[in-house]
Structure formats: structure tokens, C-alpha cells
Amino acid sequence: MDTDNNGLPSRSVLGDVFDRTFRALDGKPDTFKTKATTVRSSSKVIELTQTYIVQTVRQREEGDTVFIEYIGKEGSLRLALPPCVADTIARQRDALSGKVRSTIAKATMAQRKADGYVPNFKAKKKS
């Protein structure tokens, strides 16, 4: 990272990737965005609080870009997650939800069988 004469991080006229990406999407006619949401997360283990500001911008034909601003003890960080990363996160979340549902269903059925339930797979008669 470049620094100015005072040792502070310098900023280019165009800004960093976060600024350029947001500016490129902001105001386009084929984009929709959510309100920026602030989430405060506190860790019970290490007793630290972290703040996240999250906003999603959806562009037709491109997908969702997720903007994340992180503020913690060690400083701050801004990320613009491109559509391919946002899609991967959504796909992994959906896969985990399916695995959890399957595991719960299997445990529930095992408990029902242990309680004496006998499944009946006969077709219902049509009226």
C-alpha cells in the first residue's frame, strides 16, 4: 500500500476497488440495492465486539455483489464480493440447509420407529 508524506495510506483519485465497484453499480437502471444493514456481533469467548455493514446490489444478467464493511479491534476492512463469490456462499448455505434437514428427518424417523411407528406407504384410494 502506498503512503503519503505523513505515513498515512494514500488514496487515488478513483478510490479503491470497493469505491469503484460501488460507484460503477450505483444508479444504473438495471440494478436494485438493499439498504445498508449494520450488524453488531459480540464474541462470548474473547469478549470482543465486531461491527459489519452489509449491502447487496443486484444487477440484471450479472448477479449479486455484496459490499461488506468490517470494523473491529484490529481496524477496518471493506470488501466488494463479486457475484461469483455471492453465488458460492448462497449455494453452500443451501447445501448445508439440505444436509441439516436430511439429518433431522432421519433422526426423527429413527425415533418414531423406536416408539413403535410402522410406516404405511399404501396409495390412498381416489374418491
C-alpha atoms as a PDB file:
ATOM      1  CA  MET A   1       0.000   0.000   0.000  1.00  0.00           C
ATOM      2  CA  ASP A   2       1.330   3.428  -0.899  1.00  0.00           C
ATOM      3  CA  THR A   3       1.690   6.045   1.805  1.00  0.00           C
ATOM      4  CA  ASP A   4       1.824   9.812   1.722  1.00  0.00           C
ATOM      5  CA  ASN A   5       4.466  12.013   3.380  1.00  0.00           C
ATOM      6  CA  ASN A   6       2.814  11.608   6.798  1.00  0.00           C
ATOM      7  CA  GLY A   7       2.898   7.790   6.640  1.00  0.00           C
ATOM      8  CA  LEU A   8      -0.869   7.582   6.154  1.00  0.00           C
ATOM      9  CA  PRO A   9      -2.369   5.384   3.423  1.00  0.00           C
ATOM     10  CA  SER A  10      -2.793   7.387   0.233  1.00  0.00           C
ATOM     11  CA  ARG A  11      -5.943   7.272  -1.844  1.00  0.00           C
ATOM     12  CA  SER A  12      -6.047   7.514  -5.553  1.00  0.00           C
ATOM     13  CA  VAL A  13      -8.452   9.919  -7.181  1.00  0.00           C
ATOM     14  CA  LEU A  14     -10.613   6.987  -8.282  1.00  0.00           C
ATOM     15  CA  GLY A  15     -10.680   5.321  -4.851  1.00  0.00           C
ATOM     16  CA  ASP A  16     -10.108   1.670  -4.023  1.00  0.00           C
ATOM     17  CA  VAL A  17     -11.828  -1.384  -5.517  1.00  0.00           C
ATOM     18  CA  PHE A  18     -14.740  -1.063  -3.064  1.00  0.00           C
ATOM     19  CA  ASP A  19     -15.428   2.553  -4.098  1.00  0.00           C
ATOM     20  CA  ARG A  20     -15.011   1.912  -7.818  1.00  0.00           C
ATOM     21  CA  THR A  21     -17.257  -1.162  -7.772  1.00  0.00           C
ATOM     22  CA  PHE A  22     -19.984   0.584  -5.781  1.00  0.00           C
ATOM     23  CA  ARG A  23     -19.816   3.663  -7.971  1.00  0.00           C
ATOM     24  CA  ALA A  24     -19.995   1.529 -11.128  1.00  0.00           C
ATOM     25  CA  LEU A  25     -23.239  -0.116  -9.936  1.00  0.00           C
ATOM     26  CA  ASP A  26     -24.877   2.848  -8.205  1.00  0.00           C
ATOM     27  CA  GLY A  27     -27.642   4.473 -10.207  1.00  0.00           C
ATOM     28  CA  LYS A  28     -27.668   2.060 -13.135  1.00  0.00           C
ATOM     29  CA  PRO A  29     -31.199   1.448 -14.436  1.00  0.00           C
ATOM     30  CA  ASP A  30     -30.891  -2.369 -14.243  1.00  0.00           C
ATOM     31  CA  THR A  31     -29.673  -2.505 -10.631  1.00  0.00           C
ATOM     32  CA  PHE A  32     -31.539  -2.857  -7.363  1.00  0.00           C
ATOM     33  CA  LYS A  33     -29.993  -2.487  -3.927  1.00  0.00           C
ATOM     34  CA  THR A  34     -30.879  -3.178  -0.341  1.00  0.00           C
ATOM     35  CA  LYS A  35     -30.458  -0.695   2.452  1.00  0.00           C
ATOM     36  CA  ALA A  36     -27.139  -0.945   4.219  1.00  0.00           C
ATOM     37  CA  THR A  37     -27.662  -3.018   7.378  1.00  0.00           C
ATOM     38  CA  THR A  38     -25.438  -2.755  10.427  1.00  0.00           C
ATOM     39  CA  VAL A  39     -24.865  -5.945  12.403  1.00  0.00           C
ATOM     40  CA  ARG A  40     -23.005  -5.990  15.710  1.00  0.00           C
ATOM     41  CA  SER A  41     -21.544  -9.346  16.680  1.00  0.00           C
ATOM     42  CA  SER A  42     -20.068  -9.965  20.090  1.00  0.00           C
ATOM     43  CA  SER A  43     -17.941 -12.986  20.890  1.00  0.00           C
ATOM     44  CA  LYS A  44     -18.705 -14.560  24.241  1.00  0.00           C
ATOM     45  CA  VAL A  45     -15.363 -16.369  24.208  1.00  0.00           C
ATOM     46  CA  ILE A  46     -12.978 -13.463  23.734  1.00  0.00           C
ATOM     47  CA  GLU A  47     -15.419 -10.700  24.710  1.00  0.00           C
ATOM     48  CA  LEU A  48     -14.837  -8.578  21.621  1.00  0.00           C
ATOM     49  CA  THR A  49     -17.428  -6.768  19.554  1.00  0.00           C
ATOM     50  CA  GLN A  50     -17.248  -6.548  15.788  1.00  0.00           C
ATOM     51  CA  THR A  51     -19.413  -4.416  13.534  1.00  0.00           C
ATOM     52  CA  TYR A  52     -20.398  -5.316   9.983  1.00  0.00           C
ATOM     53  CA  ILE A  53     -22.205  -3.130   7.479  1.00  0.00           C
ATOM     54  CA  VAL A  54     -23.698  -5.240   4.688  1.00  0.00           C
ATOM     55  CA  GLN A  55     -25.383  -4.116   1.473  1.00  0.00           C
ATOM     56  CA  THR A  56     -26.295  -6.140  -1.606  1.00  0.00           C
ATOM     57  CA  VAL A  57     -26.645  -4.776  -5.129  1.00  0.00           C
ATOM     58  CA  ARG A  58     -28.304  -6.939  -7.790  1.00  0.00           C
ATOM     59  CA  GLN A  59     -27.559  -6.280 -11.428  1.00  0.00           C
ATOM     60  CA  ARG A  60     -29.600  -7.981 -14.116  1.00  0.00           C
ATOM     61  CA  GLU A  61     -27.569 -10.512 -16.112  1.00  0.00           C
ATOM     62  CA  GLU A  62     -24.619 -10.199 -13.701  1.00  0.00           C
ATOM     63  CA  GLY A  63     -25.912 -11.245 -10.271  1.00  0.00           C
ATOM     64  CA  ASP A  64     -25.481 -10.006  -6.712  1.00  0.00           C
ATOM     65  CA  THR A  65     -22.495  -8.012  -5.496  1.00  0.00           C
ATOM     66  CA  VAL A  66     -22.215  -7.918  -1.703  1.00  0.00           C
ATOM     67  CA  PHE A  67     -20.496  -4.972  -0.044  1.00  0.00           C
ATOM     68  CA  ILE A  68     -19.141  -5.650   3.441  1.00  0.00           C
ATOM     69  CA  GLU A  69     -17.531  -3.137   5.776  1.00  0.00           C
ATOM     70  CA  TYR A  70     -15.906  -4.631   8.872  1.00  0.00           C
ATOM     71  CA  ILE A  71     -14.890  -2.683  11.961  1.00  0.00           C
ATOM     72  CA  GLY A  72     -13.116  -4.450  14.803  1.00  0.00           C
ATOM     73  CA  LYS A  73     -10.359  -4.040  17.345  1.00  0.00           C
ATOM     74  CA  GLU A  74      -7.688  -4.550  14.700  1.00  0.00           C
ATOM     75  CA  GLY A  75      -9.085  -1.885  12.382  1.00  0.00           C
ATOM     76  CA  SER A  76     -11.472  -1.797   9.467  1.00  0.00           C
ATOM     77  CA  LEU A  77     -11.776  -3.557   6.138  1.00  0.00           C
ATOM     78  CA  ARG A  78     -14.046  -3.048   3.147  1.00  0.00           C
ATOM     79  CA  LEU A  79     -14.805  -5.819   0.673  1.00  0.00           C
ATOM     80  CA  ALA A  80     -16.847  -5.957  -2.504  1.00  0.00           C
ATOM     81  CA  LEU A  81     -17.714  -9.627  -3.040  1.00  0.00           C
ATOM     82  CA  PRO A  82     -18.362 -10.238  -6.755  1.00  0.00           C
ATOM     83  CA  PRO A  83     -21.382 -12.220  -7.998  1.00  0.00           C
ATOM     84  CA  CYS A  84     -19.390 -15.466  -8.357  1.00  0.00           C
ATOM     85  CA  VAL A  85     -18.467 -15.329  -4.642  1.00  0.00           C
ATOM     86  CA  ALA A  86     -22.008 -14.357  -3.570  1.00  0.00           C
ATOM     87  CA  ASP A  87     -23.365 -17.293  -5.632  1.00  0.00           C
ATOM     88  CA  THR A  88     -20.897 -19.674  -3.970  1.00  0.00           C
ATOM     89  CA  ILE A  89     -21.934 -18.508  -0.497  1.00  0.00           C
ATOM     90  CA  ALA A  90     -25.638 -18.949  -1.366  1.00  0.00           C
ATOM     91  CA  ARG A  91     -25.011 -22.395  -2.892  1.00  0.00           C
ATOM     92  CA  GLN A  92     -23.048 -23.566   0.172  1.00  0.00           C
ATOM     93  CA  ARG A  93     -25.749 -22.252   2.521  1.00  0.00           C
ATOM     94  CA  ASP A  94     -28.432 -24.111   0.562  1.00  0.00           C
ATOM     95  CA  ALA A  95     -26.345 -27.321   0.599  1.00  0.00           C
ATOM     96  CA  LEU A  96     -25.902 -27.103   4.365  1.00  0.00           C
ATOM     97  CA  SER A  97     -29.618 -26.474   4.868  1.00  0.00           C
ATOM     98  CA  GLY A  98     -30.391 -29.632   2.856  1.00  0.00           C
ATOM     99  CA  LYS A  99     -27.916 -31.704   4.869  1.00  0.00           C
ATOM    100  CA  VAL A 100     -29.323 -30.457   8.168  1.00  0.00           C
ATOM    101  CA  ARG A 101     -32.932 -31.168   7.085  1.00  0.00           C
ATOM    102  CA  SER A 102     -31.938 -34.671   5.973  1.00  0.00           C
ATOM    103  CA  THR A 103     -30.134 -35.400   9.247  1.00  0.00           C
ATOM    104  CA  ILE A 104     -33.077 -34.159  11.323  1.00  0.00           C
ATOM    105  CA  ALA A 105     -35.562 -36.167   9.228  1.00  0.00           C
ATOM    106  CA  LYS A 106     -33.517 -39.360   9.644  1.00  0.00           C
ATOM    107  CA  ALA A 107     -33.228 -38.841  13.422  1.00  0.00           C
ATOM    108  CA  THR A 108     -36.959 -38.122  13.690  1.00  0.00           C
ATOM    109  CA  MET A 109     -37.877 -41.260  11.723  1.00  0.00           C
ATOM    110  CA  ALA A 110     -35.477 -43.398  13.788  1.00  0.00           C
ATOM    111  CA  GLN A 111     -37.134 -42.091  16.972  1.00  0.00           C
ATOM    112  CA  ARG A 112     -40.620 -42.750  15.585  1.00  0.00           C
ATOM    113  CA  LYS A 113     -39.618 -46.329  14.665  1.00  0.00           C
ATOM    114  CA  ALA A 114     -38.169 -46.815  18.160  1.00  0.00           C
ATOM    115  CA  ASP A 115     -41.511 -45.647  19.567  1.00  0.00           C
ATOM    116  CA  GLY A 116     -43.288 -48.346  17.543  1.00  0.00           C
ATOM    117  CA  TYR A 117     -44.463 -46.417  14.486  1.00  0.00           C
ATOM    118  CA  VAL A 118     -44.819 -48.579  11.370  1.00  0.00           C
ATOM    119  CA  PRO A 119     -44.790 -46.573   8.135  1.00  0.00           C
ATOM    120  CA  ASN A 120     -47.676 -47.206   5.767  1.00  0.00           C
ATOM    121  CA  PHE A 121     -46.855 -46.494   2.136  1.00  0.00           C
ATOM    122  CA  LYS A 122     -50.122 -47.709   0.629  1.00  0.00           C
ATOM    123  CA  ALA A 123     -51.640 -45.473  -2.006  1.00  0.00           C
ATOM    124  CA  LYS A 124     -54.764 -43.654  -0.955  1.00  0.00           C
ATOM    125  CA  LYS A 125     -57.967 -44.618  -2.756  1.00  0.00           C
ATOM    126  CA  LYS A 126     -59.338 -41.980  -5.088  1.00  0.00           C
ATOM    127  CA  SER A 127     -62.916 -40.904  -4.418  1.00  0.00           C
END
